[in-house]
Each structure stands twice: as C-alpha cells, then as structure tokens.
Protein backbone atom coordinates (compact mmCIF):
# COMPACT_ATOMS: atom_id res chain seq x y z
CA MET A 1 16.51 -36.14 19.42
CA GLN A 2 14.06 -38.56 20.45
CA ALA A 3 12.89 -35.63 23.12
CA ALA A 4 12.20 -33.66 19.96
CA CYS A 5 10.55 -36.73 17.99
CA ASN A 6 8.22 -37.65 20.55
CA PHE A 7 7.15 -33.84 20.93
CA GLY A 8 6.45 -33.89 17.06
CA ARG A 9 4.39 -36.93 17.37
CA ALA A 10 2.15 -35.42 20.24
CA LEU A 11 1.53 -32.74 18.00
CA GLY A 12 0.30 -34.98 15.11
CA PHE A 13 3.40 -34.76 13.11
CA ILE A 14 4.10 -38.56 12.83
CA SER A 15 5.68 -38.56 9.03
CA LEU A 16 8.57 -35.90 10.86
CA CYS A 17 10.14 -39.16 12.69
CA VAL A 18 9.43 -42.17 10.32
CA ALA A 19 13.32 -42.30 9.69
CA VAL A 20 15.43 -40.44 12.26
CA SER A 21 19.21 -40.85 12.15
CA ALA A 22 21.15 -40.35 15.00
CA ALA A 23 21.36 -37.12 16.87
CA SER A 24 23.93 -34.91 16.06
CA TYR A 25 22.30 -32.24 18.57
CA GLN A 26 20.43 -32.70 21.60
CA PRO A 27 17.60 -30.12 22.69
CA THR A 28 19.91 -28.64 25.15
CA TRP A 29 21.15 -24.87 24.72
CA ASP A 30 24.64 -26.14 25.29
CA SER A 31 24.18 -28.49 22.28
CA LEU A 32 22.48 -26.52 20.06
CA ASP A 33 24.98 -23.72 20.17
CA LYS A 34 27.27 -25.72 18.97
CA ARG A 35 26.14 -26.29 15.53
CA PRO A 36 28.38 -24.62 12.80
CA LEU A 37 26.14 -21.33 11.06
CA PRO A 38 26.09 -22.48 7.50
CA ASN A 39 28.47 -20.76 5.14
CA TRP A 40 25.76 -19.04 3.37
CA TYR A 41 24.56 -16.41 5.95
CA ASP A 42 27.66 -14.88 6.77
CA GLU A 43 28.91 -14.35 3.15
CA ALA A 44 25.10 -12.70 2.32
CA LYS A 45 25.58 -9.71 4.53
CA ILE A 46 22.33 -8.31 3.70
CA GLY A 47 18.62 -9.16 4.24
CA ILE A 48 15.18 -7.63 3.67
CA PHE A 49 12.85 -7.73 6.68
CA ILE A 50 9.18 -7.67 5.36
CA HIS A 51 6.57 -6.52 7.97
CA TRP A 52 3.18 -7.25 6.80
CA GLY A 53 -0.25 -8.29 8.33
CA VAL A 54 -3.38 -6.89 9.46
CA PHE A 55 -2.00 -4.11 11.30
CA SER A 56 -1.51 -2.62 7.56
CA VAL A 57 -5.05 -2.01 7.55
CA PRO A 58 -5.17 0.71 10.47
CA SER A 59 -1.43 1.56 9.46
CA PHE A 60 -1.39 3.64 12.30
CA GLY A 61 1.36 4.59 14.56
CA GLU A 62 2.15 7.32 16.98
CA GLY A 63 4.75 7.31 19.34
CA PHE A 64 4.49 3.54 18.79
CA ALA A 65 5.14 1.34 15.91
CA ALA A 66 2.31 0.10 13.64
CA GLU A 67 2.25 -3.39 13.80
CA TRP A 68 1.71 -2.84 17.81
CA PHE A 69 -1.55 -0.95 17.02
CA TRP A 70 -4.07 -3.63 18.69
CA GLU A 71 -1.88 -4.11 21.67
CA TYR A 72 -1.84 -0.01 22.07
CA TRP A 73 -5.31 0.16 21.53
CA LYS A 74 -6.97 -2.54 23.66
CA GLY A 75 -4.04 -3.46 25.57
CA VAL A 76 -2.57 -0.56 26.98
CA SER A 77 -4.95 1.82 25.78
CA THR A 78 -2.62 4.55 24.31
CA PRO A 79 -4.43 7.58 23.90
CA SER A 80 -3.13 8.58 20.78
CA ALA A 81 -4.57 4.85 19.33
CA VAL A 82 -7.65 5.03 21.43
CA TYR A 83 -8.65 8.40 19.80
CA PHE A 84 -7.48 7.21 16.23
CA MET A 85 -10.15 4.59 16.73
CA GLU A 86 -13.12 7.27 18.56
CA GLN A 87 -12.53 9.18 15.51
CA ASN A 88 -12.75 6.70 12.41
CA TYR A 89 -14.24 3.93 13.59
CA PRO A 90 -17.69 2.94 15.56
CA PRO A 91 -18.23 2.02 18.83
CA SER A 92 -18.89 -1.39 17.95
CA PHE A 93 -15.66 -1.93 15.73
CA GLN A 94 -13.29 -4.87 17.14
CA TYR A 95 -9.59 -5.31 15.75
CA ALA A 96 -10.89 -8.34 13.59
CA ASP A 97 -13.00 -6.32 11.69
CA PHE A 98 -9.91 -4.79 9.70
CA ALA A 99 -9.00 -8.63 8.49
CA PRO A 100 -11.51 -7.92 5.52
CA ASP A 101 -10.06 -4.87 4.17
CA PHE A 102 -6.51 -6.45 4.32
CA THR A 103 -6.94 -7.15 0.58
CA THR A 104 -3.69 -7.37 -1.36
CA GLU A 105 -4.99 -6.89 -4.48
CA PHE A 106 -1.79 -5.06 -5.83
CA PHE A 107 0.91 -7.95 -4.65
CA ASP A 108 2.58 -9.22 -7.52
CA ALA A 109 4.97 -11.79 -5.95
CA ASN A 110 7.05 -11.69 -8.86
CA LYS A 111 7.74 -7.88 -9.10
CA TRP A 112 7.90 -7.56 -5.18
CA ALA A 113 11.23 -10.69 -5.75
CA ASP A 114 12.63 -8.78 -8.84
CA LEU A 115 12.60 -5.62 -6.40
CA PHE A 116 14.82 -7.53 -3.82
CA ALA A 117 16.93 -9.19 -6.03
CA ALA A 118 17.72 -5.32 -7.52
CA SER A 119 18.38 -4.62 -4.08
CA GLY A 120 21.66 -6.36 -3.70
CA ALA A 121 19.92 -8.50 -0.91
CA LYS A 122 20.74 -11.81 -0.47
CA TYR A 123 18.18 -13.05 1.73
CA ILE A 124 14.66 -12.17 3.02
CA VAL A 125 12.44 -12.66 5.86
CA LEU A 126 8.66 -12.44 5.55
CA THR A 127 6.53 -12.19 8.70
CA SER A 128 4.29 -15.15 8.60
CA LYS A 129 2.78 -14.52 12.16
CA HIS A 130 2.98 -11.63 14.16
CA HIS A 131 1.98 -11.07 17.72
CA GLU A 132 -1.80 -10.28 16.30
CA GLY A 133 -1.76 -13.87 15.30
CA PHE A 134 -3.01 -13.57 12.15
CA THR A 135 -1.29 -16.53 9.70
CA ASN A 136 -0.36 -15.13 6.03
CA TRP A 137 -0.60 -18.36 4.98
CA PRO A 138 -3.51 -20.60 5.47
CA SER A 139 -2.46 -22.54 8.83
CA ALA A 140 -5.03 -25.02 10.31
CA ASN A 141 -4.37 -23.82 13.50
CA SER A 142 -5.52 -20.18 13.20
CA TRP A 143 -9.24 -20.67 11.91
CA ASN A 144 -10.83 -17.67 10.27
CA TRP A 145 -7.77 -15.52 11.34
CA ASN A 146 -5.48 -16.28 8.35
CA SER A 147 -4.90 -14.87 4.75
CA MET A 148 -6.73 -17.70 2.88
CA ASP A 149 -10.23 -17.42 4.74
CA VAL A 150 -10.30 -13.73 5.19
CA GLY A 151 -8.65 -10.90 3.84
CA PRO A 152 -6.50 -11.74 0.77
CA HIS A 153 -8.13 -15.14 0.38
CA ARG A 154 -4.57 -15.70 -0.58
CA ASP A 155 -1.35 -17.89 0.49
CA LEU A 156 0.73 -15.08 0.80
CA VAL A 157 3.91 -16.78 2.05
CA GLY A 158 3.45 -19.38 -0.13
CA GLU A 159 3.44 -16.91 -3.21
CA LEU A 160 6.58 -14.99 -2.41
CA ALA A 161 8.64 -18.12 -1.64
CA THR A 162 7.68 -19.45 -4.76
CA ALA A 163 8.63 -16.52 -6.95
CA VAL A 164 11.57 -15.63 -4.86
CA ARG A 165 13.18 -19.10 -5.65
CA ASN A 166 11.67 -18.99 -9.33
CA ARG A 167 13.42 -15.79 -10.04
CA THR A 168 16.34 -15.42 -8.02
CA SER A 169 18.89 -16.80 -5.66
CA ILE A 170 17.46 -15.00 -2.63
CA HIS A 171 17.38 -17.01 0.50
CA PHE A 172 13.97 -17.38 1.63
CA GLY A 173 13.08 -16.90 5.50
CA LEU A 174 10.22 -16.65 7.89
CA TYR A 175 9.52 -14.95 11.21
CA HIS A 176 7.31 -16.18 13.49
CA SER A 177 6.29 -14.89 17.14
CA LEU A 178 6.34 -17.30 19.40
CA TYR A 179 2.93 -15.44 21.33
CA GLU A 180 -0.16 -13.66 20.35
CA TRP A 181 -1.69 -10.67 22.41
CA PHE A 182 -5.08 -11.83 22.94
CA HIS A 183 -5.33 -15.73 22.30
CA PRO A 184 -7.22 -17.25 24.83
CA LEU A 185 -5.18 -20.45 25.33
CA TYR A 186 -2.09 -17.64 25.77
CA LEU A 187 -3.91 -15.69 28.23
CA GLN A 188 -4.79 -18.87 30.11
CA ASP A 189 -1.06 -20.17 30.28
CA LYS A 190 0.32 -16.69 31.26
CA ALA A 191 -2.84 -16.68 34.20
CA SER A 192 -1.49 -20.46 35.57
CA GLY A 193 2.41 -18.61 35.43
CA TYR A 194 3.31 -20.55 32.50
CA LYS A 195 2.62 -23.99 34.66
CA THR A 196 0.66 -25.03 31.62
CA ASN A 197 1.23 -24.73 27.76
CA ASP A 198 -1.85 -25.60 26.06
CA PHE A 199 -0.91 -22.70 23.95
CA VAL A 200 2.37 -24.04 22.68
CA ARG A 201 1.47 -27.70 21.69
CA TYR A 202 -2.11 -26.21 19.80
CA LYS A 203 -1.43 -23.50 18.38
CA THR A 204 2.58 -22.40 18.54
CA MET A 205 4.55 -25.18 17.66
CA PRO A 206 2.27 -26.76 15.00
CA GLU A 207 2.35 -23.85 13.31
CA LEU A 208 6.37 -23.60 13.22
CA TYR A 209 6.66 -27.41 12.16
CA ASP A 210 3.94 -26.39 9.35
CA ILE A 211 5.76 -23.55 7.85
CA VAL A 212 9.14 -25.63 8.05
CA THR A 213 7.71 -28.42 6.26
CA LYS A 214 5.56 -26.90 3.68
CA TYR A 215 7.69 -23.78 2.53
CA LYS A 216 11.54 -24.56 4.05
CA PRO A 217 12.79 -21.46 4.92
CA ASP A 218 16.50 -21.18 5.50
CA ILE A 219 15.85 -18.78 8.14
CA VAL A 220 13.59 -19.29 11.21
CA TRP A 221 13.58 -15.58 13.48
CA SER A 222 11.69 -16.04 15.99
CA ASP A 223 10.08 -13.13 17.95
CA GLY A 224 7.51 -12.81 20.78
CA GLN A 225 9.54 -14.70 23.40
CA TRP A 226 10.44 -12.34 26.24
CA GLU A 227 7.29 -13.18 28.34
CA ALA A 228 8.25 -17.28 29.20
CA SER A 229 11.22 -19.07 29.27
CA SER A 230 12.46 -21.57 26.24
CA GLU A 231 11.37 -24.34 28.68
CA TYR A 232 7.77 -23.00 28.59
CA TRP A 233 8.18 -22.42 24.82
CA ASN A 234 9.83 -26.04 23.99
CA SER A 235 12.00 -24.40 21.64
CA THR A 236 15.09 -26.72 22.18
CA GLU A 237 13.04 -29.35 21.62
CA PHE A 238 12.02 -27.66 18.03
CA ILE A 239 15.38 -26.47 17.22
CA ALA A 240 16.72 -29.88 17.54
CA TRP A 241 14.23 -31.20 15.32
CA LEU A 242 15.36 -28.49 12.92
CA TYR A 243 19.32 -29.09 12.94
CA ASN A 244 18.68 -32.74 12.80
CA ASP A 245 15.93 -34.04 10.52
CA SER A 246 13.59 -31.05 9.00
CA PRO A 247 13.89 -30.78 5.56
CA VAL A 248 16.14 -27.58 5.77
CA ARG A 249 18.81 -29.08 8.05
CA GLU A 250 21.45 -28.26 6.04
CA THR A 251 21.02 -24.64 5.66
CA VAL A 252 18.58 -22.99 7.86
CA VAL A 253 19.57 -20.63 10.37
CA THR A 254 17.95 -19.53 13.62
CA ASN A 255 18.30 -16.17 15.78
CA ASP A 256 18.34 -15.66 19.48
CA ARG A 257 14.45 -14.99 20.13
CA TRP A 258 13.37 -18.20 21.96
CA GLY A 259 13.04 -17.88 25.41
CA SER A 260 12.92 -14.53 28.12
CA HIS A 261 16.57 -15.72 29.14
CA THR A 262 17.87 -16.81 25.64
CA LEU A 263 18.30 -13.15 23.53
CA CYS A 264 22.26 -12.40 22.64
CA LYS A 265 22.95 -16.18 24.02
CA HIS A 266 21.24 -18.55 22.89
CA GLY A 267 20.66 -19.39 18.62
CA GLY A 268 22.43 -19.34 15.81
CA PHE A 269 22.99 -15.70 15.42
CA LEU A 270 22.41 -12.69 17.73
CA THR A 271 20.17 -10.02 17.46
CA CYS A 272 20.41 -8.95 21.07
CA HIS A 273 17.68 -5.98 20.37
CA ASP A 274 16.09 -4.00 17.58
CA ARG A 275 18.94 -1.55 15.66
CA PHE A 276 21.57 -3.69 17.54
CA ASN A 277 24.97 -2.02 16.18
CA PRO A 278 27.62 -2.32 18.89
CA GLY A 279 30.38 -0.68 16.53
CA THR A 280 32.97 -3.17 18.10
CA LEU A 281 33.67 -6.45 16.60
CA GLN A 282 31.75 -9.54 18.56
CA THR A 283 32.37 -13.12 19.27
CA ARG A 284 29.48 -14.06 17.56
CA LYS A 285 27.67 -14.13 14.33
CA TRP A 286 25.33 -10.97 15.44
CA GLU A 287 22.26 -9.27 13.06
CA ASN A 288 21.52 -5.75 12.70
CA ALA A 289 17.69 -5.66 12.23
CA LEU A 290 16.40 -1.92 11.41
CA THR A 291 13.74 -0.02 9.80
CA MET A 292 13.65 2.04 6.99
CA ASP A 293 11.28 3.77 8.46
CA ARG A 294 12.74 4.83 11.55
CA GLY A 295 9.63 4.60 13.79
CA SER A 296 7.76 1.50 12.65
CA TRP A 297 8.42 -2.07 11.18
CA GLY A 298 4.98 -2.29 10.09
CA TYR A 299 3.58 0.28 7.35
CA ARG A 300 2.44 3.88 8.59
CA ARG A 301 0.30 6.36 6.47
CA ASN A 302 0.86 9.00 9.08
CA VAL A 303 5.01 8.87 8.94
CA ALA A 304 6.76 11.99 8.24
CA TYR A 305 9.37 12.23 5.41
CA ASP A 306 11.73 12.95 7.84
CA GLN A 307 11.62 9.65 9.64
CA TYR A 308 12.92 7.49 6.76
CA ILE A 309 16.38 6.74 6.42
CA THR A 310 18.46 8.34 3.84
CA ILE A 311 20.61 6.21 1.05
CA GLU A 312 23.98 7.81 3.03
CA GLY A 313 22.15 6.54 6.63
CA LEU A 314 21.46 3.00 5.20
CA LEU A 315 24.81 2.47 3.58
CA HIS A 316 26.36 3.71 6.70
CA GLU A 317 24.68 1.30 8.96
CA LEU A 318 25.39 -1.64 6.32
CA VAL A 319 29.23 -0.83 6.28
CA SER A 320 29.46 -0.31 10.07
CA THR A 321 27.66 -3.19 10.61
CA VAL A 322 29.76 -5.80 8.62
CA SER A 323 33.06 -4.04 9.18
CA CYS A 324 32.03 -5.51 12.84
CA GLY A 325 31.32 -9.00 11.65
CA GLY A 326 27.38 -8.83 11.39
CA ASN A 327 24.61 -8.86 8.73
CA MET A 328 22.08 -5.93 8.39
CA LEU A 329 18.46 -6.72 7.62
CA ILE A 330 16.84 -3.65 6.80
CA ASN A 331 13.06 -3.61 7.40
CA ILE A 332 10.21 -2.22 5.02
CA GLY A 333 6.13 -2.66 5.76
CA PRO A 334 3.71 -3.30 2.72
CA SER A 335 0.44 -1.78 2.54
CA LYS A 336 -2.83 -3.41 2.85
CA GLU A 337 -3.24 -3.29 -0.69
CA GLY A 338 0.52 -4.86 -0.99
CA THR A 339 2.46 -2.34 -2.40
CA ILE A 340 5.74 -1.15 -1.38
CA HIS A 341 6.08 2.62 -0.61
CA PRO A 342 7.83 4.07 -3.68
CA ILE A 343 10.56 5.49 -1.04
CA PHE A 344 11.14 1.79 -0.10
CA GLU A 345 11.43 1.05 -3.23
CA GLU A 346 14.06 4.18 -4.13
CA ARG A 347 16.17 3.03 -0.90
CA LEU A 348 16.51 -0.29 -2.25
CA HIS A 349 17.40 0.25 -5.73
CA GLN A 350 19.94 2.93 -4.41
CA MET A 351 21.63 0.16 -2.22
CA GLY A 352 21.69 -2.29 -5.69
CA GLU A 353 23.25 0.70 -7.62
CA TRP A 354 25.67 0.67 -4.73
CA LEU A 355 26.27 -2.76 -4.15
CA THR A 356 26.65 -3.54 -8.21
CA VAL A 357 29.76 -1.10 -7.82
CA ASN A 358 30.95 -2.05 -3.98
CA GLY A 359 29.77 -5.21 -3.30
CA GLU A 360 33.23 -7.24 -3.99
CA GLY A 361 33.86 -5.16 -0.07
CA VAL A 362 30.92 -6.39 1.40
CA TYR A 363 29.73 -10.21 0.08
CA SER A 364 31.55 -12.76 1.69
CA SER A 365 34.31 -10.21 3.24
CA HIS A 366 35.46 -10.39 6.87
CA PRO A 367 36.68 -8.04 9.37
CA TRP A 368 39.81 -6.66 9.02
CA THR A 369 42.60 -6.18 11.95
CA HIS A 370 41.03 -2.55 12.35
CA GLN A 371 37.40 -2.00 12.22
CA ASN A 372 37.73 1.32 12.17
CA ASP A 373 40.27 3.69 10.99
CA SER A 374 42.82 5.17 14.10
CA LEU A 375 43.28 8.76 12.65
CA THR A 376 40.25 9.69 10.73
CA PRO A 377 36.93 9.04 11.79
CA ASN A 378 34.11 7.28 9.92
CA ILE A 379 36.38 5.03 7.70
CA TRP A 380 35.25 1.65 8.40
CA TYR A 381 37.15 -1.46 7.11
CA THR A 382 36.83 -5.30 5.99
CA THR A 383 38.93 -7.78 4.19
CA ARG A 384 38.36 -10.61 1.07
CA ASP A 385 40.90 -12.12 -1.05
CA ASN A 386 44.02 -10.80 0.35
CA ALA A 387 42.30 -6.81 -0.38
CA VAL A 388 41.49 -4.43 2.02
CA TYR A 389 38.34 -2.42 1.46
CA ALA A 390 38.28 1.09 3.66
CA PHE A 391 34.73 2.65 3.12
CA VAL A 392 34.84 6.30 3.42
CA TYR A 393 32.10 8.46 4.60
CA THR A 394 33.16 11.77 3.64
CA TRP A 395 35.05 13.11 1.23
CA PRO A 396 38.33 15.41 2.34
CA GLN A 397 38.16 18.86 1.47
CA SER A 398 41.99 18.82 1.19
CA GLY A 399 42.20 15.72 -1.36
CA ILE A 400 44.46 14.28 0.54
CA LEU A 401 43.11 10.72 2.69
CA SER A 402 44.75 10.42 5.88
CA MET A 403 44.51 6.67 7.10
CA GLY A 404 46.20 5.61 10.55
CA SER A 405 45.29 2.11 10.08
CA PRO A 406 46.81 0.75 7.01
CA VAL A 407 50.63 -0.06 6.58
CA ALA A 408 52.18 -1.20 3.27
CA THR A 409 54.13 -4.22 2.94
CA SER A 410 56.00 -2.86 -0.45
CA GLU A 411 56.31 0.04 -2.22
CA SER A 412 54.49 -1.59 -4.80
CA SER A 413 51.55 -1.49 -3.05
CA THR A 414 48.15 -0.73 -4.70
CA ILE A 415 44.84 1.35 -4.06
CA SER A 416 42.22 1.97 -6.24
CA LEU A 417 38.45 3.46 -5.99
CA LEU A 418 35.70 1.30 -6.85
CA GLY A 419 33.74 2.76 -9.92
CA GLY A 420 37.02 5.27 -10.14
CA GLU A 421 40.31 5.54 -10.64
CA SER A 422 42.79 3.11 -10.34
CA ASN A 423 46.27 3.22 -8.98
CA LEU A 424 45.96 5.98 -6.74
CA THR A 425 49.12 7.77 -5.72
CA TRP A 426 49.85 7.19 -2.22
CA GLU A 427 52.44 7.89 0.40
CA PRO A 428 53.24 6.68 3.89
CA LEU A 429 52.62 9.01 7.36
CA LYS A 430 54.76 9.24 9.92
CA PRO A 431 54.58 7.70 12.50
CA SER A 432 52.34 5.52 10.51
CA GLY A 433 49.58 5.15 8.15
CA ILE A 434 49.15 6.58 4.78
CA GLY A 435 47.95 9.38 2.88
CA VAL A 436 45.91 8.66 -0.25
CA ILE A 437 45.05 11.17 -3.12
CA LEU A 438 42.20 11.22 -4.13
CA PRO A 439 41.06 12.07 -7.64
CA ILE A 440 38.39 14.88 -8.94
CA ILE A 441 35.44 13.01 -9.43
CA ASN A 442 33.38 13.64 -12.54
CA PRO A 443 29.86 13.48 -11.22
CA SER A 444 28.39 12.58 -14.68
CA THR A 445 30.93 9.80 -15.21
CA THR A 446 32.07 7.86 -11.64
CA GLN A 447 30.11 5.39 -10.51
CA ALA A 448 31.47 6.12 -6.82
CA LYS A 449 29.03 8.45 -4.55
CA TRP A 450 27.32 7.83 -1.28
CA VAL A 451 30.12 5.85 0.87
CA TYR A 452 33.41 5.79 -1.26
CA VAL A 453 35.62 2.78 -1.51
CA LEU A 454 39.14 2.10 -1.58
CA LYS A 455 40.69 -1.33 -2.59
CA MET A 456 43.77 -1.61 -0.91
CA VAL A 457 45.98 -4.35 -2.39
CA GLY A 458 49.47 -5.17 -0.18
CA PHE A 459 48.21 -3.40 3.06
CA VAL A 460 48.31 -5.10 6.44
C-alpha cells in the first residue's frame, strides 16, 4: 500500500494517506484479484449505463457509435463523419465548438433517479469522462473542458449522485476513460513508446482520485485502456488505494479495463468485450454491457427505429446473463438537452413492470445446476431460497411445456406461474424431465407477459 500512498502524495493527495492502516492488498494483480467482490454487486443483477457528454451535441453515428464522433471525424476521417461536418458546419469549426451547445437545460436529476428506480435497476454507471476528455464535473485538471466551465455550467455528476442517494437505494457508479484521443500529454507519452507517463501523472490519476473522494462511487468502471499496459496507467497503485484506504473501500467494485493485458483477466468483475454474453456459466463474476440503441452508446439523432432493442430482446439478454452468473448493464444515451428519449423511457418502465412480477427469480439469485434446458430451447434457470425459476421465452402452442432438466423430489413438488396461477398441474416425463400444463392466460388480468417465469419448489 505504501507505493499507492507515495503515488498519491506525488499527485498532491496528501490527506489520503495521513492515517494508513495495515495494507490488505498490494499493488499487484496477484494480490488485487484475491479481493472478494462485495455481495451487493452480485445480488443487484441489473444496472443502467449512461453515456453523456459533448458527443451528445452532434449525436451522429453512421457505421460507428455516436460517442466516437470526434475520432471518426478528425482521427480516422471516416467519409460519413467528414461529409456530415462539411454539409452542416463551417470549415473553421472545431470539436470544442460543440461544447457550448451541450446545454442540459432539461436535465432534472430527480426525474432521472425516479426513472432508474422504476426500471428495477439496482445500480447506475454515469460517464464522468469519455475519450473526448470532457469531464461532467468541475475537474481542476480539465480547464475549460468541463461541465462547469463550458456548456451546462453545472456539476452533472454531483447532481445525479445526490438525487440517486436521496431518492433511491440504487448504488451510484462512475465510468472513467483512462485515455483521451487528442490530449497533448497523452500523444507525447504515446510517441515516446509510453516511456513517459506525464498524462497519467497530471491528468488521469488526479481525476480518478478526485471523483472517488468527491462522489464516493460504488463502481469505478474504467475504459480506454487498450493502447498501453497497466504499468503505464499506474492502475494497480490506484486500485490498491481504492480497496485499502479510499472512502468506498468496503463497497467499491471495479471492472477489468485497466491495461492492454487486463481485459477478461484482472479486476473485480470481467467485461471481456462490449455486449459480452457467453451463454455458459463462467468461473468469475462478469458483466454484459450492452446498448438500448444496438449501434451506439451515445445518443444518435439519425438512429432507425429497428435499431432499438425490443422489450423481449432486452429481457432475453437479462435472463440468459443472470442464468450464467452475470450482471446486465443496459446503456442509454441522453440528449444534449438532458432528456432521455421516450423509447429508452418506455423500455426502462417495461423492464421495471416485468421485474415487479418476476424479480424474485432475478435479484439475489444464483446459477442453477443447469443454465438452460436440455430438451426445449430458450428456457433458462436460476435458483434462490430452495426454489428453481424457469424463464420461458415462448408459450407452447400445445399448452404443455416440456422441460428436460428439472427432476421432482416428491409428488408434492409445486409449480406456479409468477403473475398468474399457482399449483399448476405437472407430470414426469420419460426418461427424465417434466411436462407442465400451462393455464389459459387472460391478457386483461394476467401480469405474466414477454418472458414467462415458473417457480418450482421441490425440484433438483
């Protein structure tokens, strides 16, 4: 831990190491990977990702995600991005000129918090800074390129953190990009082959220490790691401080994006790649981060309707993820004005409606002996409190659902449809499994829809 304290002192964070207790974790991956994941994260199962920044002003993506607009315009010079700017902005226009239009005048943190609570999500992860470098809080290390100095003239991170904590029981988390596409110090470090790390010393690490001490996030969701090693980023020193001496050391969780070699190997939980959903039980806790707009994390004005995930598709992702021991982090991209698109709102309310009926099979559940059924496709399982939950994607035309994996322990074993009838009739199948006679559903009275959940007691 002393190495992390020395690094913190070098950055000016003297108060962080005034009273240092005996180190629990050393700044090595071997040590850090041994830290148990706080229970709340596995129990939560569902989070909401929020990509919001200056990229929400052009809000354009065609063959690329909208939050990468600057890179695709000025970095790799994608024709569609270049053409968009030529047709809509004067030749002298710079990316920084978008910032004053990041107005957020309709951003109401209380309404956002209420929506997130209604969705059934148990944690959120807000973008504090994406690869463009603009910070959504008044960072002292991002002069005139932060939400207080230009654009909103507001502390967006602080407002949402306060609202979420005052109005909900949701855990508050922050995304932070280690690198920035066009920051001069980063480009200098890169040109040196990462033999220098001035960008890390004077930009990345001061910001990470700042958001943790100021906003106390329960999740530090790192990104932008792929071009350099964790040694360059000083990741292990920071995480050792985070786990040992930070104000969130008891509750904080981290992901695996801390260096070019850490993805799917090191950190608190694994993301492996965007939209990671392996469909099989994993040996470590993992997260499926996916988008409501299938093609972008940031808001796109030019998105087509069929690019939005349906509620059925969203619940299928959730069920298959949780059945295999993962969490789902579903992303929305607010507008530059601070509104959340009605389709995003609808999906979140629909998810909350479904979870109100079926959440007992999701929250605090565990993978069962079987993740999906051995006989009928698109049936997934979880278990909790001696019950097994079967998530059924399609209603069988025959009215009889055949499942090959469950085995009854006695004739008194029971099956009920959450949001519908209890004590459903069932019978054993040969050579194994059960057949369940499903009830006739009255759409005007049943709460069971989209994905149907059977609660089975007395089955192994």
